[in-house]
Amino acid sequence: MNSKVGQGDQSAKMAQTGDETSLLIACDNEGKKVVRKSFRVPVPHGLVTMNHEGLKHSVKDLSMYGIGLLVTSPDAFVIGSVLNGVQIIFPDRSFHVDVRIVHISPYEGDTLICGMEIINTHDSGYIDWMTRVVSEIKSSVLSNVAKQS
């Protein structure tokens, strides 16, 4: 199966921002700021990986239509480029997707995070799988926060 994800949202995003970006931009008194459109969940180190061109990257966080990778260089990926056929690997399942590089930003001290938007899926079951995984991780994170309070 080959499906475009978020197709219905693309025109709305373009109308709001004037270009085809993967993040919504909101104006405030200090200019523009990035506003997330979906909840990202943290992923335990090494649990989920992304493979592209023979390189394995550890996924730091994910959402239904996005992943975040820790990277060591601001030149690790070209912002705006599309990577076709990357593989997202879970312990018991993997998916082939196409991603767009959205940003590389400072993250926790001297490290960097690369945000990628999943723009196309090649495997059936992706939506159902990710819905369940994100929901389970979200519930786990929120219950751990509640226990700490």
N, C-alpha and C. Protein backbone atom coordinates (compact mmCIF):
# COMPACT_ATOMS: atom_id res chain seq x y z
N MET A 1 0.85 -1.18 0.00
CA MET A 1 0.00 0.00 0.00
C MET A 1 0.88 1.23 0.00
N ASN A 2 0.48 2.22 -0.75
CA ASN A 2 1.24 3.45 -0.86
C ASN A 2 0.26 4.59 -0.58
N SER A 3 0.41 5.26 0.53
CA SER A 3 -0.55 6.30 0.86
C SER A 3 0.15 7.58 1.27
N LYS A 4 -0.44 8.67 0.87
CA LYS A 4 0.05 9.98 1.27
C LYS A 4 -0.55 10.29 2.62
N VAL A 5 0.25 10.69 3.58
CA VAL A 5 -0.25 11.02 4.89
C VAL A 5 -0.43 12.51 5.00
N GLY A 6 -1.46 12.92 5.68
CA GLY A 6 -1.68 14.33 5.91
C GLY A 6 -2.06 15.12 4.68
N GLN A 7 -2.48 14.46 3.60
CA GLN A 7 -2.82 15.17 2.37
C GLN A 7 -3.88 16.23 2.60
N GLY A 8 -4.89 15.90 3.36
CA GLY A 8 -5.98 16.83 3.58
C GLY A 8 -5.55 18.09 4.30
N ASP A 9 -4.47 17.99 5.08
CA ASP A 9 -4.02 19.13 5.87
C ASP A 9 -3.14 20.08 5.05
N GLN A 10 -2.60 19.63 3.94
CA GLN A 10 -1.62 20.41 3.19
C GLN A 10 -2.17 21.76 2.73
N SER A 11 -3.38 21.79 2.19
CA SER A 11 -3.92 23.07 1.72
C SER A 11 -4.21 24.00 2.89
N ALA A 12 -4.65 23.44 4.00
CA ALA A 12 -4.89 24.27 5.18
C ALA A 12 -3.59 24.88 5.67
N LYS A 13 -2.51 24.09 5.69
CA LYS A 13 -1.22 24.60 6.12
C LYS A 13 -0.73 25.68 5.18
N MET A 14 -0.92 25.46 3.87
CA MET A 14 -0.47 26.45 2.90
C MET A 14 -1.25 27.74 3.06
N ALA A 15 -2.53 27.62 3.34
CA ALA A 15 -3.35 28.82 3.51
C ALA A 15 -2.91 29.60 4.74
N GLN A 16 -2.50 28.87 5.79
CA GLN A 16 -2.11 29.54 7.02
C GLN A 16 -0.71 30.13 6.93
N THR A 17 0.21 29.46 6.22
CA THR A 17 1.59 29.90 6.24
C THR A 17 2.08 30.47 4.93
N GLY A 18 1.32 30.24 3.84
CA GLY A 18 1.73 30.79 2.56
C GLY A 18 2.73 29.94 1.81
N ASP A 19 3.19 28.87 2.41
CA ASP A 19 4.09 27.95 1.71
C ASP A 19 3.83 26.54 2.21
N GLU A 20 4.53 25.58 1.61
CA GLU A 20 4.28 24.20 1.96
C GLU A 20 5.27 23.76 3.02
N THR A 21 4.97 24.02 4.30
CA THR A 21 5.84 23.63 5.39
C THR A 21 5.15 22.55 6.21
N SER A 22 5.92 21.89 7.05
CA SER A 22 5.35 20.81 7.82
C SER A 22 5.01 21.24 9.24
N LEU A 23 5.32 22.45 9.61
CA LEU A 23 4.96 22.95 10.93
C LEU A 23 4.09 24.18 10.77
N LEU A 24 3.14 24.32 11.65
CA LEU A 24 2.32 25.52 11.64
C LEU A 24 3.11 26.65 12.27
N ILE A 25 2.98 27.84 11.74
CA ILE A 25 3.67 29.01 12.28
C ILE A 25 2.61 29.94 12.87
N ALA A 26 2.85 30.37 14.07
CA ALA A 26 1.94 31.29 14.73
C ALA A 26 2.67 32.61 14.96
N CYS A 27 1.98 33.72 14.79
CA CYS A 27 2.59 35.02 15.02
C CYS A 27 2.31 35.45 16.45
N ASP A 28 3.30 35.98 17.08
CA ASP A 28 3.12 36.58 18.39
C ASP A 28 3.84 37.93 18.38
N ASN A 29 3.93 38.57 19.53
CA ASN A 29 4.54 39.90 19.60
C ASN A 29 6.01 39.89 19.22
N GLU A 30 6.68 38.76 19.36
CA GLU A 30 8.11 38.69 19.09
C GLU A 30 8.40 38.13 17.70
N GLY A 31 7.41 37.98 16.85
CA GLY A 31 7.65 37.44 15.52
C GLY A 31 7.02 36.07 15.38
N LYS A 32 7.65 35.22 14.58
CA LYS A 32 7.10 33.90 14.33
C LYS A 32 7.66 32.87 15.30
N LYS A 33 6.84 31.88 15.63
CA LYS A 33 7.32 30.77 16.45
C LYS A 33 6.71 29.49 15.91
N VAL A 34 7.39 28.38 16.14
CA VAL A 34 6.92 27.09 15.66
C VAL A 34 5.90 26.53 16.64
N VAL A 35 4.81 26.01 16.10
CA VAL A 35 3.77 25.40 16.92
C VAL A 35 3.57 23.96 16.45
N ARG A 36 3.69 23.02 17.35
CA ARG A 36 3.50 21.61 16.99
C ARG A 36 2.05 21.33 16.68
N LYS A 37 1.83 20.50 15.66
CA LYS A 37 0.46 20.12 15.34
C LYS A 37 0.10 18.76 15.88
N SER A 38 1.08 18.00 16.40
CA SER A 38 0.77 16.71 16.99
C SER A 38 1.70 16.42 18.15
N PHE A 39 1.20 15.63 19.08
CA PHE A 39 1.93 15.26 20.28
C PHE A 39 3.04 14.28 19.93
N ARG A 40 4.25 14.56 20.33
CA ARG A 40 5.36 13.63 20.14
C ARG A 40 5.61 12.90 21.44
N VAL A 41 5.92 11.62 21.36
CA VAL A 41 6.21 10.84 22.55
C VAL A 41 7.69 10.47 22.56
N PRO A 42 8.30 10.49 23.75
CA PRO A 42 9.71 10.10 23.84
C PRO A 42 9.84 8.59 23.64
N VAL A 43 10.95 8.17 23.05
CA VAL A 43 11.20 6.76 22.79
C VAL A 43 12.46 6.36 23.57
N PRO A 44 12.40 5.28 24.36
CA PRO A 44 13.62 4.83 25.05
C PRO A 44 14.75 4.57 24.06
N HIS A 45 15.96 4.97 24.43
CA HIS A 45 17.12 4.87 23.53
C HIS A 45 17.28 3.45 22.98
N GLY A 46 17.38 3.36 21.67
CA GLY A 46 17.62 2.08 21.02
C GLY A 46 16.38 1.25 20.72
N LEU A 47 15.23 1.64 21.24
CA LEU A 47 14.01 0.84 21.04
C LEU A 47 13.51 0.92 19.60
N VAL A 48 13.57 2.13 19.02
CA VAL A 48 13.13 2.34 17.64
C VAL A 48 14.30 2.96 16.88
N THR A 49 14.53 2.45 15.67
CA THR A 49 15.60 2.99 14.84
C THR A 49 15.07 3.35 13.46
N MET A 50 15.81 4.21 12.78
CA MET A 50 15.51 4.55 11.41
C MET A 50 16.73 4.20 10.58
N ASN A 51 16.53 3.42 9.54
CA ASN A 51 17.62 3.05 8.63
C ASN A 51 17.47 3.79 7.31
N HIS A 52 18.57 4.36 6.85
CA HIS A 52 18.58 5.03 5.55
C HIS A 52 19.98 4.92 4.96
N GLU A 53 20.04 4.40 3.75
CA GLU A 53 21.30 4.24 3.02
C GLU A 53 22.36 3.54 3.86
N GLY A 54 21.96 2.48 4.55
CA GLY A 54 22.90 1.68 5.32
C GLY A 54 23.27 2.23 6.67
N LEU A 55 22.75 3.40 7.03
CA LEU A 55 23.04 3.99 8.34
C LEU A 55 21.84 3.80 9.26
N LYS A 56 22.12 3.46 10.51
CA LYS A 56 21.08 3.26 11.51
C LYS A 56 21.10 4.44 12.48
N HIS A 57 19.95 5.08 12.67
CA HIS A 57 19.82 6.22 13.57
C HIS A 57 18.83 5.88 14.67
N SER A 58 19.16 6.26 15.90
CA SER A 58 18.25 6.02 17.01
C SER A 58 17.16 7.10 17.01
N VAL A 59 15.90 6.67 17.11
CA VAL A 59 14.77 7.60 17.15
C VAL A 59 14.60 8.10 18.58
N LYS A 60 14.59 9.41 18.75
CA LYS A 60 14.46 10.04 20.07
C LYS A 60 13.00 10.23 20.45
N ASP A 61 12.17 10.65 19.47
CA ASP A 61 10.74 10.81 19.73
C ASP A 61 9.98 10.57 18.43
N LEU A 62 8.68 10.33 18.57
CA LEU A 62 7.88 10.11 17.38
C LEU A 62 6.44 10.53 17.61
N SER A 63 5.76 10.73 16.50
CA SER A 63 4.33 11.02 16.50
C SER A 63 3.74 10.25 15.32
N MET A 64 2.47 10.39 15.10
CA MET A 64 1.84 9.69 13.98
C MET A 64 2.55 9.99 12.66
N TYR A 65 2.94 11.23 12.45
CA TYR A 65 3.51 11.63 11.16
C TYR A 65 4.84 12.32 11.28
N GLY A 66 5.61 11.98 12.32
CA GLY A 66 6.91 12.60 12.46
C GLY A 66 7.82 11.81 13.37
N ILE A 67 9.13 11.97 13.14
CA ILE A 67 10.13 11.36 14.00
C ILE A 67 11.23 12.37 14.28
N GLY A 68 11.85 12.22 15.43
CA GLY A 68 12.98 13.04 15.81
C GLY A 68 14.19 12.16 16.06
N LEU A 69 15.31 12.51 15.45
CA LEU A 69 16.56 11.76 15.60
C LEU A 69 17.61 12.64 16.24
N LEU A 70 18.41 12.07 17.13
CA LEU A 70 19.57 12.81 17.62
C LEU A 70 20.63 12.75 16.53
N VAL A 71 21.22 13.90 16.22
CA VAL A 71 22.28 13.96 15.22
C VAL A 71 23.48 14.69 15.82
N THR A 72 24.64 14.45 15.25
CA THR A 72 25.88 15.04 15.78
C THR A 72 26.33 16.28 15.03
N SER A 73 25.72 16.54 13.87
CA SER A 73 26.15 17.67 13.06
C SER A 73 24.95 18.39 12.45
N PRO A 74 25.01 19.71 12.34
CA PRO A 74 23.92 20.43 11.67
C PRO A 74 23.85 20.10 10.18
N ASP A 75 24.88 19.44 9.66
CA ASP A 75 24.92 19.05 8.26
C ASP A 75 24.54 17.58 8.05
N ALA A 76 24.00 16.93 9.08
CA ALA A 76 23.66 15.51 8.98
C ALA A 76 22.64 15.24 7.87
N PHE A 77 21.70 16.16 7.69
CA PHE A 77 20.68 16.07 6.65
C PHE A 77 20.47 17.47 6.08
N VAL A 78 19.94 17.53 4.87
CA VAL A 78 19.65 18.82 4.23
C VAL A 78 18.18 19.17 4.49
N ILE A 79 17.96 20.29 5.17
CA ILE A 79 16.60 20.72 5.49
C ILE A 79 15.82 20.94 4.20
N GLY A 80 14.61 20.38 4.17
CA GLY A 80 13.75 20.50 2.99
C GLY A 80 13.86 19.32 2.05
N SER A 81 14.92 18.52 2.19
CA SER A 81 15.08 17.37 1.29
C SER A 81 14.13 16.24 1.68
N VAL A 82 13.87 15.36 0.74
CA VAL A 82 13.01 14.20 0.96
C VAL A 82 13.86 12.95 0.87
N LEU A 83 13.73 12.09 1.87
CA LEU A 83 14.41 10.80 1.88
C LEU A 83 13.37 9.74 1.55
N ASN A 84 13.57 9.03 0.47
CA ASN A 84 12.61 8.01 0.04
C ASN A 84 13.00 6.63 0.57
N GLY A 85 11.99 5.88 0.98
CA GLY A 85 12.19 4.49 1.36
C GLY A 85 12.99 4.25 2.62
N VAL A 86 12.95 5.18 3.58
CA VAL A 86 13.63 4.90 4.84
C VAL A 86 12.82 3.86 5.60
N GLN A 87 13.49 3.15 6.49
CA GLN A 87 12.83 2.10 7.24
C GLN A 87 12.80 2.48 8.71
N ILE A 88 11.60 2.49 9.29
CA ILE A 88 11.45 2.70 10.73
C ILE A 88 11.29 1.31 11.34
N ILE A 89 12.17 0.97 12.28
CA ILE A 89 12.19 -0.38 12.83
C ILE A 89 11.83 -0.37 14.31
N PHE A 90 10.76 -1.08 14.63
CA PHE A 90 10.32 -1.33 15.99
C PHE A 90 10.82 -2.72 16.37
N PRO A 91 10.77 -3.10 17.65
CA PRO A 91 11.24 -4.44 18.02
C PRO A 91 10.53 -5.58 17.28
N ASP A 92 9.26 -5.41 16.94
CA ASP A 92 8.52 -6.52 16.32
C ASP A 92 7.85 -6.17 14.99
N ARG A 93 8.22 -5.02 14.40
CA ARG A 93 7.61 -4.62 13.12
C ARG A 93 8.44 -3.51 12.50
N SER A 94 8.41 -3.41 11.20
CA SER A 94 9.09 -2.29 10.54
C SER A 94 8.21 -1.75 9.41
N PHE A 95 8.47 -0.49 9.04
CA PHE A 95 7.69 0.17 8.00
C PHE A 95 8.64 0.94 7.08
N HIS A 96 8.31 1.00 5.81
CA HIS A 96 9.03 1.83 4.86
C HIS A 96 8.21 3.10 4.64
N VAL A 97 8.88 4.24 4.75
CA VAL A 97 8.22 5.54 4.61
C VAL A 97 9.13 6.49 3.86
N ASP A 98 8.55 7.58 3.37
CA ASP A 98 9.30 8.70 2.83
C ASP A 98 9.18 9.83 3.84
N VAL A 99 10.27 10.54 4.09
CA VAL A 99 10.25 11.63 5.07
C VAL A 99 10.82 12.91 4.46
N ARG A 100 10.35 14.03 4.99
CA ARG A 100 10.90 15.34 4.62
C ARG A 100 11.64 15.88 5.84
N ILE A 101 12.84 16.36 5.62
CA ILE A 101 13.64 16.94 6.71
C ILE A 101 13.08 18.33 6.99
N VAL A 102 12.61 18.53 8.22
CA VAL A 102 11.96 19.79 8.59
C VAL A 102 12.93 20.74 9.29
N HIS A 103 13.69 20.22 10.24
CA HIS A 103 14.60 21.09 10.99
C HIS A 103 15.72 20.29 11.63
N ILE A 104 16.79 20.98 11.95
CA ILE A 104 17.83 20.47 12.84
C ILE A 104 18.03 21.58 13.86
N SER A 105 17.77 21.24 15.13
CA SER A 105 17.71 22.25 16.18
C SER A 105 18.51 21.82 17.40
N PRO A 106 18.95 22.81 18.21
CA PRO A 106 19.63 22.48 19.47
C PRO A 106 18.70 21.66 20.37
N TYR A 107 19.28 20.72 21.11
CA TYR A 107 18.49 19.85 21.97
C TYR A 107 19.34 19.44 23.16
N GLU A 108 18.90 19.71 24.34
CA GLU A 108 19.57 19.29 25.58
C GLU A 108 21.08 19.49 25.53
N GLY A 109 21.49 20.67 25.82
CA GLY A 109 22.92 20.97 25.87
C GLY A 109 23.52 21.14 24.49
N ASP A 110 24.56 20.36 24.22
CA ASP A 110 25.29 20.49 22.96
C ASP A 110 24.80 19.57 21.86
N THR A 111 23.74 18.80 22.11
CA THR A 111 23.27 17.87 21.09
C THR A 111 22.26 18.54 20.17
N LEU A 112 21.98 17.88 19.07
CA LEU A 112 21.04 18.38 18.06
C LEU A 112 19.96 17.33 17.81
N ILE A 113 18.78 17.79 17.44
CA ILE A 113 17.72 16.88 17.04
C ILE A 113 17.27 17.25 15.63
N CYS A 114 17.03 16.23 14.83
CA CYS A 114 16.55 16.42 13.46
C CYS A 114 15.10 15.98 13.40
N GLY A 115 14.21 16.92 13.07
CA GLY A 115 12.79 16.62 12.95
C GLY A 115 12.44 16.28 11.51
N MET A 116 11.73 15.16 11.35
CA MET A 116 11.34 14.69 10.03
C MET A 116 9.84 14.46 9.98
N GLU A 117 9.22 14.89 8.88
CA GLU A 117 7.80 14.67 8.67
C GLU A 117 7.62 13.45 7.77
N ILE A 118 6.79 12.51 8.19
CA ILE A 118 6.49 11.35 7.36
C ILE A 118 5.46 11.78 6.34
N ILE A 119 5.85 11.76 5.06
CA ILE A 119 4.97 12.28 4.01
C ILE A 119 4.33 11.18 3.17
N ASN A 120 4.82 9.95 3.31
CA ASN A 120 4.29 8.85 2.50
C ASN A 120 4.61 7.54 3.20
N THR A 121 3.64 6.62 3.23
CA THR A 121 3.88 5.29 3.79
C THR A 121 3.76 4.27 2.68
N HIS A 122 4.54 3.20 2.79
CA HIS A 122 4.55 2.16 1.76
C HIS A 122 3.98 0.84 2.26
N ASP A 123 3.64 0.77 3.54
CA ASP A 123 3.18 -0.49 4.12
C ASP A 123 1.77 -0.34 4.69
N SER A 124 0.95 -1.36 4.44
CA SER A 124 -0.39 -1.35 5.01
C SER A 124 -0.27 -1.54 6.52
N GLY A 125 -1.19 -1.01 7.24
CA GLY A 125 -1.20 -1.15 8.69
C GLY A 125 -0.45 -0.08 9.43
N TYR A 126 0.21 0.82 8.71
CA TYR A 126 1.01 1.85 9.38
C TYR A 126 0.17 2.70 10.33
N ILE A 127 -0.95 3.21 9.85
CA ILE A 127 -1.79 4.11 10.65
C ILE A 127 -2.26 3.42 11.93
N ASP A 128 -2.79 2.21 11.80
CA ASP A 128 -3.27 1.47 12.98
C ASP A 128 -2.13 1.18 13.95
N TRP A 129 -0.99 0.76 13.43
CA TRP A 129 0.16 0.45 14.27
C TRP A 129 0.63 1.68 15.04
N MET A 130 0.83 2.78 14.33
CA MET A 130 1.34 4.00 14.98
C MET A 130 0.33 4.57 15.95
N THR A 131 -0.95 4.48 15.64
CA THR A 131 -1.97 4.96 16.57
C THR A 131 -1.84 4.21 17.90
N ARG A 132 -1.71 2.91 17.83
CA ARG A 132 -1.59 2.09 19.04
C ARG A 132 -0.29 2.38 19.79
N VAL A 133 0.83 2.42 19.08
CA VAL A 133 2.14 2.63 19.71
C VAL A 133 2.21 4.00 20.38
N VAL A 134 1.79 5.05 19.67
CA VAL A 134 1.83 6.40 20.25
C VAL A 134 0.92 6.47 21.47
N SER A 135 -0.25 5.88 21.38
CA SER A 135 -1.18 5.88 22.51
C SER A 135 -0.60 5.16 23.72
N GLU A 136 0.04 4.01 23.50
CA GLU A 136 0.63 3.24 24.60
C GLU A 136 1.78 4.01 25.26
N ILE A 137 2.65 4.60 24.45
CA ILE A 137 3.78 5.35 25.01
C ILE A 137 3.27 6.58 25.74
N LYS A 138 2.31 7.27 25.17
CA LYS A 138 1.73 8.47 25.78
C LYS A 138 1.13 8.12 27.14
N SER A 139 0.36 7.03 27.21
CA SER A 139 -0.24 6.60 28.47
C SER A 139 0.82 6.28 29.50
N SER A 140 1.88 5.60 29.07
CA SER A 140 2.98 5.23 29.96
C SER A 140 3.68 6.48 30.51
N VAL A 141 3.97 7.43 29.62
CA VAL A 141 4.64 8.66 30.04
C VAL A 141 3.77 9.44 31.02
N LEU A 142 2.49 9.58 30.70
CA LEU A 142 1.59 10.36 31.57
C LEU A 142 1.37 9.67 32.91
N SER A 143 1.32 8.33 32.93
CA SER A 143 1.14 7.65 34.21
C SER A 143 2.42 7.78 35.07
N ASN A 144 3.59 7.78 34.42
CA ASN A 144 4.84 7.98 35.17
C ASN A 144 4.91 9.39 35.75
N VAL A 145 4.43 10.37 35.01
CA VAL A 145 4.40 11.75 35.51
C VAL A 145 3.46 11.84 36.70
N ALA A 146 2.30 11.21 36.61
CA ALA A 146 1.31 11.22 37.69
C ALA A 146 1.88 10.57 38.95
N LYS A 147 2.65 9.49 38.79
CA LYS A 147 3.25 8.79 39.94
C LYS A 147 4.28 9.67 40.61
N GLN A 148 5.00 10.50 39.84
CA GLN A 148 6.04 11.35 40.40
C GLN A 148 5.47 12.56 41.13
N SER A 149 4.21 12.90 40.87
CA SER A 149 3.60 14.09 41.48
C SER A 149 3.21 13.85 42.92
